[in-house]
Amino acid sequence: MGIADLSKTHARILGTLLFVLEQKVEHIEQIIKQPEENASYVIEQDINESEIHQLMNNCKELKKKIGIVAEKFGIKKRRIHQYHYINAIQSQMWEHISDAFSDKLNGYGEQLKTDAKQVDPFVQELSEIINQLKL
């Protein structure tokens, strides 16, 4: 164990927090390094070079601190298999897409439900491709 002892439950909660924080830091770093124009959004480059440098330093510092906290409390690195990681992301995508079908839009009014039926074939196509991400 690390320098400070935690209960198994608290260590698991802290480990999950550190994992999520590190994922978010990596996402920020990716946006700074490679802003992309995607089909549904574009990330506008509106940060100057000195701000980018500062953000990258802050990300680096946060990742370093995450490592220090993990070591102090004996939080072991998660071993994440690509297979499981990709399947978890695919499952999250499926949750979002399944709520977009018109039969799920109860309580929003008939006009929205009628309009949504036009979208159903496209949502179906998206869901089929998302299903193919499952390994």
Protein backbone atom coordinates (compact mmCIF):
# COMPACT_ATOMS: atom_id res chain seq x y z
CA MET A 1 0.00 0.00 0.00
CA GLY A 2 0.99 3.63 -0.32
CA ILE A 3 2.08 6.01 2.38
CA ALA A 4 -1.49 6.63 3.55
CA ASP A 5 -3.89 3.74 4.07
CA LEU A 6 -7.44 3.90 2.75
CA SER A 7 -10.32 1.50 2.98
CA LYS A 8 -10.83 -0.61 -0.14
CA THR A 9 -14.00 1.31 -0.94
CA HIS A 10 -12.35 4.72 -0.61
CA ALA A 11 -9.33 3.54 -2.63
CA ARG A 12 -11.68 2.34 -5.39
CA ILE A 13 -13.54 5.68 -5.41
CA LEU A 14 -10.28 7.64 -5.48
CA GLY A 15 -8.90 5.38 -8.21
CA THR A 16 -12.00 5.99 -10.33
CA LEU A 17 -11.73 9.74 -9.80
CA LEU A 18 -8.06 9.75 -10.85
CA PHE A 19 -8.89 7.64 -13.90
CA VAL A 20 -11.66 10.01 -15.04
CA LEU A 21 -9.54 13.09 -14.41
CA GLU A 22 -6.67 11.68 -16.42
CA GLN A 23 -9.01 10.81 -19.30
CA LYS A 24 -10.33 14.38 -19.32
CA VAL A 25 -6.80 15.82 -19.26
CA GLU A 26 -5.89 13.64 -22.24
CA HIS A 27 -8.97 14.89 -24.07
CA ILE A 28 -7.93 18.51 -23.46
CA GLU A 29 -4.42 17.71 -24.70
CA GLN A 30 -5.85 16.10 -27.83
CA ILE A 31 -8.03 19.12 -28.56
CA ILE A 32 -5.05 21.43 -28.17
CA LYS A 33 -2.73 19.30 -30.31
CA GLN A 34 -5.14 18.28 -33.07
CA PRO A 35 -8.30 20.32 -33.31
CA GLU A 36 -10.44 18.55 -35.85
CA GLU A 37 -13.33 19.50 -38.00
CA ASN A 38 -15.90 16.79 -37.57
CA ALA A 39 -19.25 16.12 -39.22
CA SER A 40 -21.35 17.59 -36.41
CA TYR A 41 -19.00 20.16 -34.87
CA VAL A 42 -15.79 22.07 -35.34
CA ILE A 43 -13.43 23.16 -32.60
CA GLU A 44 -12.38 26.69 -33.40
CA GLN A 45 -8.78 27.51 -32.68
CA ASP A 46 -9.19 30.57 -30.52
CA ILE A 47 -6.35 30.03 -28.06
CA ASN A 48 -3.08 31.83 -28.65
CA GLU A 49 0.33 30.14 -28.43
CA SER A 50 1.11 31.36 -24.90
CA GLU A 51 -2.28 30.10 -23.66
CA ILE A 52 -1.68 26.75 -25.38
CA HIS A 53 1.71 26.50 -23.73
CA GLN A 54 0.18 27.32 -20.34
CA LEU A 55 -2.64 24.81 -20.82
CA MET A 56 -0.21 22.07 -21.81
CA ASN A 57 1.91 22.84 -18.73
CA ASN A 58 -1.20 22.75 -16.54
CA CYS A 59 -2.22 19.40 -18.05
CA LYS A 60 1.26 18.04 -17.46
CA GLU A 61 1.18 19.28 -13.85
CA LEU A 62 -2.25 17.74 -13.25
CA LYS A 63 -1.13 14.38 -14.63
CA LYS A 64 1.97 14.55 -12.43
CA LYS A 65 -0.19 15.30 -9.37
CA ILE A 66 -2.54 12.44 -10.27
CA GLY A 67 0.50 10.15 -10.23
CA ILE A 68 1.63 11.50 -6.85
CA VAL A 69 -1.82 11.00 -5.32
CA ALA A 70 -2.05 7.49 -6.78
CA GLU A 71 1.34 6.60 -5.33
CA LYS A 72 0.61 8.16 -1.94
CA PHE A 73 -2.57 6.15 -1.52
CA GLY A 74 -1.42 2.95 -3.20
CA ILE A 75 -3.77 3.26 -6.17
CA LYS A 76 -2.59 0.72 -8.71
CA LYS A 77 -2.72 1.45 -12.42
CA ARG A 78 -5.75 0.00 -14.12
CA ARG A 79 -4.97 -2.47 -16.83
CA ILE A 80 -7.51 -1.75 -19.51
CA HIS A 81 -7.79 -4.03 -22.48
CA GLN A 82 -8.60 -2.28 -25.75
CA TYR A 83 -11.41 -4.77 -26.32
CA HIS A 84 -13.20 -3.85 -23.08
CA TYR A 85 -12.48 -0.14 -23.43
CA ILE A 86 -13.89 0.04 -26.95
CA ASN A 87 -16.93 -2.03 -25.96
CA ALA A 88 -17.59 0.30 -23.01
CA ILE A 89 -17.50 3.32 -25.33
CA GLN A 90 -19.75 1.53 -27.82
CA SER A 91 -22.25 0.79 -25.03
CA GLN A 92 -22.31 4.47 -24.05
CA MET A 93 -22.94 5.40 -27.68
CA TRP A 94 -25.77 2.88 -27.83
CA GLU A 95 -27.41 4.42 -24.76
CA HIS A 96 -27.47 7.81 -26.49
CA ILE A 97 -28.66 6.55 -29.84
CA SER A 98 -31.42 4.34 -28.44
CA ASP A 99 -33.04 7.40 -26.82
CA ALA A 100 -33.24 9.17 -30.20
CA PHE A 101 -35.89 6.89 -31.75
CA SER A 102 -39.35 8.43 -32.01
CA ASP A 103 -40.96 5.75 -29.82
CA LYS A 104 -38.80 6.96 -26.92
CA LEU A 105 -39.94 10.58 -27.19
CA ASN A 106 -42.97 10.46 -24.93
CA GLY A 107 -44.11 13.60 -23.15
CA TYR A 108 -42.58 16.05 -25.65
CA GLY A 109 -45.71 16.61 -27.73
CA GLU A 110 -47.08 15.00 -30.86
CA GLN A 111 -45.37 17.40 -33.28
CA LEU A 112 -41.93 16.40 -32.03
CA LYS A 113 -42.88 12.73 -32.18
CA THR A 114 -44.13 13.16 -35.76
CA ASP A 115 -40.98 15.05 -36.77
CA ALA A 116 -38.82 12.43 -35.09
CA LYS A 117 -40.30 9.67 -37.24
CA GLN A 118 -38.59 11.30 -40.23
CA VAL A 119 -35.29 10.96 -38.40
CA ASP A 120 -35.80 7.31 -37.37
CA PRO A 121 -34.32 5.79 -40.55
CA PHE A 122 -31.14 7.83 -40.08
CA VAL A 123 -30.95 6.99 -36.39
CA GLN A 124 -31.38 3.35 -37.38
CA GLU A 125 -28.46 3.60 -39.81
CA LEU A 126 -26.29 5.21 -37.13
CA SER A 127 -27.26 2.52 -34.63
CA GLU A 128 -26.33 -0.24 -37.08
CA ILE A 129 -22.87 1.25 -37.57
CA ILE A 130 -22.49 1.71 -33.81
CA ASN A 131 -23.39 -1.96 -33.38
CA GLN A 132 -20.50 -2.83 -35.68
CA LEU A 133 -18.12 -1.16 -33.22
CA LYS A 134 -18.89 -3.97 -30.79
CA LEU A 135 -16.12 -6.55 -30.89
